[in-house]
Protein backbone atom coordinates (compact mmCIF):
# COMPACT_ATOMS: atom_id res chain seq x y z
CA MET A 1 5.61 -50.85 -92.10
CA THR A 2 8.17 -49.13 -89.97
CA GLU A 3 7.89 -45.42 -89.33
CA ARG A 4 10.79 -43.35 -90.60
CA LYS A 5 11.66 -39.84 -91.62
CA ALA A 6 10.10 -38.80 -94.93
CA ARG A 7 12.50 -38.77 -97.87
CA VAL A 8 10.17 -36.40 -99.74
CA VAL A 9 8.22 -33.58 -98.10
CA LEU A 10 4.68 -33.39 -99.45
CA GLU A 11 2.58 -30.25 -99.56
CA VAL A 12 -1.06 -31.26 -99.71
CA PRO A 13 -3.60 -28.63 -100.79
CA GLY A 14 -5.10 -27.04 -97.68
CA GLY A 15 -2.69 -29.00 -95.48
CA GLU A 16 -5.12 -31.94 -95.45
CA ARG A 17 -4.04 -35.08 -93.60
CA LYS A 18 -6.56 -37.34 -95.33
CA VAL A 19 -6.44 -37.87 -99.10
CA LEU A 20 -8.47 -40.03 -101.45
CA LEU A 21 -5.93 -41.81 -103.64
CA HIS A 22 -7.31 -43.27 -106.85
CA THR A 23 -5.19 -46.37 -107.37
CA CYS A 24 -4.59 -48.35 -110.55
CA CYS A 25 -2.32 -51.10 -109.20
CA ALA A 26 0.04 -51.98 -106.34
CA PRO A 27 3.27 -51.35 -108.27
CA CYS A 28 2.21 -47.78 -109.13
CA SER A 29 0.75 -47.01 -105.71
CA SER A 30 3.29 -48.53 -103.32
CA ALA A 31 5.91 -45.75 -103.32
CA ILE A 32 3.20 -43.07 -103.27
CA ILE A 33 1.45 -44.65 -100.27
CA GLU A 34 4.75 -45.10 -98.45
CA CYS A 35 5.61 -41.45 -99.12
CA MET A 36 2.21 -40.26 -97.87
CA LEU A 37 2.46 -42.32 -94.69
CA ASP A 38 5.98 -41.01 -94.06
CA ASN A 39 4.49 -37.51 -94.24
CA GLY A 40 1.67 -38.27 -91.79
CA ILE A 41 -0.95 -38.39 -94.55
CA THR A 42 -3.54 -41.17 -94.47
CA PRO A 43 -4.71 -42.15 -97.95
CA LEU A 44 -7.98 -43.89 -98.63
CA ILE A 45 -7.18 -46.29 -101.47
CA TYR A 46 -9.91 -46.01 -104.11
CA TYR A 47 -9.71 -48.86 -106.62
CA CYS A 48 -11.74 -47.81 -109.66
CA ASN A 49 -10.51 -49.45 -112.86
CA PRO A 50 -13.37 -50.60 -115.12
CA ASN A 51 -10.95 -50.34 -118.05
CA ILE A 52 -8.99 -53.45 -117.03
CA TYR A 53 -9.50 -56.52 -119.21
CA PRO A 54 -10.06 -59.39 -118.74
CA GLU A 55 -11.79 -59.63 -115.38
CA GLU A 56 -9.12 -62.04 -114.13
CA GLU A 57 -6.55 -59.29 -114.68
CA TYR A 58 -8.75 -56.83 -112.79
CA LEU A 59 -8.95 -59.23 -109.84
CA LYS A 60 -5.19 -59.88 -109.83
CA ARG A 61 -4.45 -56.16 -109.64
CA LYS A 62 -7.15 -55.58 -107.02
CA ASP A 63 -5.84 -58.44 -104.88
CA GLU A 64 -2.32 -56.97 -104.95
CA CYS A 65 -3.68 -53.53 -103.99
CA SER A 66 -5.66 -55.14 -101.17
CA ARG A 67 -2.58 -57.02 -99.97
CA PHE A 68 -0.55 -53.82 -99.82
CA ALA A 69 -3.43 -51.98 -98.11
CA ARG A 70 -3.54 -54.63 -95.39
CA MET A 71 0.22 -54.46 -94.87
CA SER A 72 -0.03 -50.67 -94.64
CA GLY A 73 -3.01 -50.69 -92.27
CA LEU A 74 -5.14 -48.78 -94.78
CA GLU A 75 -8.70 -48.99 -96.01
CA ILE A 76 -9.36 -49.88 -99.65
CA VAL A 77 -12.61 -49.17 -101.48
CA ASP A 78 -13.55 -51.36 -104.44
CA ALA A 79 -15.62 -49.32 -106.88
CA ASP A 80 -16.77 -52.55 -108.58
CA TYR A 81 -16.02 -53.88 -112.04
CA SER A 82 -18.19 -52.25 -114.72
CA HIS A 83 -16.29 -53.02 -117.91
CA GLY A 84 -19.43 -53.00 -120.06
CA GLU A 85 -20.20 -49.45 -118.97
CA TRP A 86 -16.58 -48.50 -119.68
CA LEU A 87 -16.79 -49.98 -123.20
CA GLY A 88 -19.94 -47.93 -123.80
CA ARG A 89 -18.11 -44.75 -122.81
CA MET A 90 -15.22 -45.63 -125.15
CA LYS A 91 -17.45 -46.30 -128.18
CA GLY A 92 -15.95 -44.65 -131.24
CA LEU A 93 -12.55 -44.27 -129.54
CA GLU A 94 -11.40 -47.86 -129.90
CA ASN A 95 -8.76 -47.06 -132.53
CA GLU A 96 -7.34 -44.03 -130.78
CA PRO A 97 -3.60 -44.27 -130.08
CA GLU A 98 -2.25 -44.57 -126.57
CA ARG A 99 -2.28 -41.10 -124.93
CA GLY A 100 -5.10 -40.17 -127.30
CA ALA A 101 -8.75 -39.23 -126.76
CA ARG A 102 -9.70 -42.66 -125.39
CA CYS A 103 -7.17 -42.38 -122.56
CA LEU A 104 -8.45 -38.93 -121.61
CA GLU A 105 -12.06 -40.19 -121.52
CA CYS A 106 -10.96 -43.21 -119.48
CA PHE A 107 -9.18 -40.99 -116.94
CA ARG A 108 -12.23 -38.75 -116.69
CA MET A 109 -14.59 -41.65 -116.01
CA ARG A 110 -12.41 -43.07 -113.24
CA LEU A 111 -11.56 -39.75 -111.60
CA VAL A 112 -15.16 -38.49 -111.67
CA SER A 113 -16.03 -41.66 -109.75
CA ALA A 114 -13.23 -40.91 -107.27
CA ALA A 115 -14.33 -37.29 -106.85
CA GLY A 116 -17.94 -38.37 -106.29
CA TYR A 117 -16.87 -40.80 -103.58
CA ALA A 118 -14.68 -38.14 -101.97
CA HIS A 119 -17.60 -35.69 -101.97
CA LYS A 120 -19.93 -38.22 -100.31
CA HIS A 121 -17.43 -39.35 -97.68
CA GLY A 122 -15.75 -36.13 -96.59
CA TYR A 123 -12.46 -36.32 -98.46
CA ARG A 124 -11.50 -32.87 -99.68
CA VAL A 125 -8.40 -33.78 -101.74
CA ILE A 126 -8.06 -36.40 -104.49
CA THR A 127 -5.05 -37.54 -106.49
CA THR A 128 -4.16 -40.59 -108.57
CA THR A 129 -1.39 -43.12 -108.99
CA LEU A 130 -1.87 -42.78 -112.75
CA ALA A 131 0.44 -39.79 -112.45
CA SER A 132 3.29 -42.15 -111.56
CA SER A 133 3.34 -43.96 -114.90
CA ARG A 134 5.80 -42.88 -117.56
CA TRP A 135 3.44 -44.42 -120.14
CA LYS A 136 0.72 -41.87 -119.37
CA ASP A 137 0.41 -38.24 -120.44
CA ILE A 138 0.42 -36.30 -117.19
CA ARG A 139 -1.28 -33.34 -118.87
CA GLN A 140 -4.24 -35.56 -119.70
CA ILE A 141 -4.33 -36.89 -116.14
CA ASN A 142 -4.35 -33.38 -114.69
CA GLU A 143 -7.01 -32.25 -117.16
CA ALA A 144 -9.21 -35.19 -116.17
CA GLY A 145 -8.56 -34.69 -112.45
CA ALA A 146 -9.31 -30.96 -112.58
CA PHE A 147 -12.51 -31.69 -114.51
CA ALA A 148 -13.60 -34.30 -111.96
CA ALA A 149 -12.95 -32.03 -108.99
CA SER A 150 -14.76 -29.12 -110.68
CA LEU A 151 -18.02 -31.10 -110.47
CA PHE A 152 -17.98 -30.85 -106.65
CA ASP A 153 -17.45 -27.58 -104.79
CA ASP A 154 -15.81 -29.33 -101.82
CA VAL A 155 -13.26 -31.45 -103.73
CA VAL A 156 -9.78 -30.30 -104.77
CA TRP A 157 -7.52 -31.94 -107.35
CA TRP A 158 -3.93 -32.48 -106.18
CA ASP A 159 -1.88 -32.35 -109.36
CA ARG A 160 1.39 -33.72 -108.01
CA ASN A 161 3.79 -35.43 -110.40
CA TRP A 162 4.37 -38.75 -108.61
CA ARG A 163 7.26 -39.68 -110.93
CA LYS A 164 9.63 -37.16 -109.34
CA ASP A 165 11.79 -37.02 -106.22
CA GLY A 166 13.05 -40.59 -106.48
CA LEU A 167 9.59 -42.15 -106.29
CA GLN A 168 10.03 -43.91 -109.65
CA GLU A 169 13.18 -45.59 -108.36
CA ARG A 170 11.53 -46.43 -105.03
CA ARG A 171 8.65 -47.99 -106.95
CA GLY A 172 11.06 -50.47 -108.53
CA GLU A 173 12.57 -51.31 -105.14
CA LEU A 174 9.16 -51.98 -103.59
CA ILE A 175 8.05 -54.17 -106.51
CA ARG A 176 11.06 -56.38 -105.85
CA GLU A 177 10.74 -56.20 -102.06
CA TYR A 178 7.08 -57.28 -101.99
CA GLY A 179 7.10 -59.43 -105.12
CA PHE A 180 4.19 -57.53 -106.64
CA TYR A 181 2.49 -58.80 -109.75
CA ASN A 182 3.67 -56.24 -112.32
CA GLN A 183 1.66 -56.12 -115.53
CA GLN A 184 3.08 -55.03 -118.89
CA TYR A 185 0.08 -53.16 -120.31
CA CYS A 186 -2.19 -50.37 -119.14
CA GLY A 187 -5.25 -52.53 -118.65
CA CYS A 188 -7.77 -52.33 -121.48
CA GLU A 189 -8.05 -54.71 -124.41
CA PHE A 190 -6.94 -51.96 -126.77
CA SER A 191 -3.64 -51.42 -124.97
CA MET A 192 -3.25 -55.20 -124.67
CA ALA A 193 -3.66 -55.57 -128.45
CA ARG A 194 -0.90 -53.07 -129.04
CA LEU A 195 1.38 -54.96 -126.64
CA GLU A 196 0.70 -58.21 -128.49
CA ASN A 197 1.46 -56.55 -131.83
CA PHE A 198 4.91 -55.53 -130.58
CA SER A 199 5.82 -58.78 -128.83
């Protein structure tokens, strides 16, 4: 990637230059990573998505994240695929609507994992690409992120809205530029079922 002047000026909590970025997929993360790099911020890409179903879908999304990480000269951490554990956490919430209680619990599980990794590896600030999706409730994401960070006294939640400042538009440009695999559902079988019902 070529270095250029930042289009968007980022203000990271505490002025940190290293950030742990929980990442759901390459399409959602590409514009955010580009923006961070343009601002002299080095993100550690933390791929923790046990919600994604089936496993082939998980691997497709992980491979695209890994491809973009390599192109960007960044490290990516694979938190491993634990869909059975995720299903256990979602028990009783299967019929919740999108943006309902299941989504909040899913965000909490993934962001607690991210915060725990940050705590163990010296990353003080965490944020997530989930906050770039117009299909997600950003209030739920921030609630889950703040909860996750509160479990560790040395971790701070960065509650930036990654949809703003032209990043949504840039996301679309980068999807086309890099030919990213761009899925049409959130990831879990419950969101997939709803997509199938409307197709």
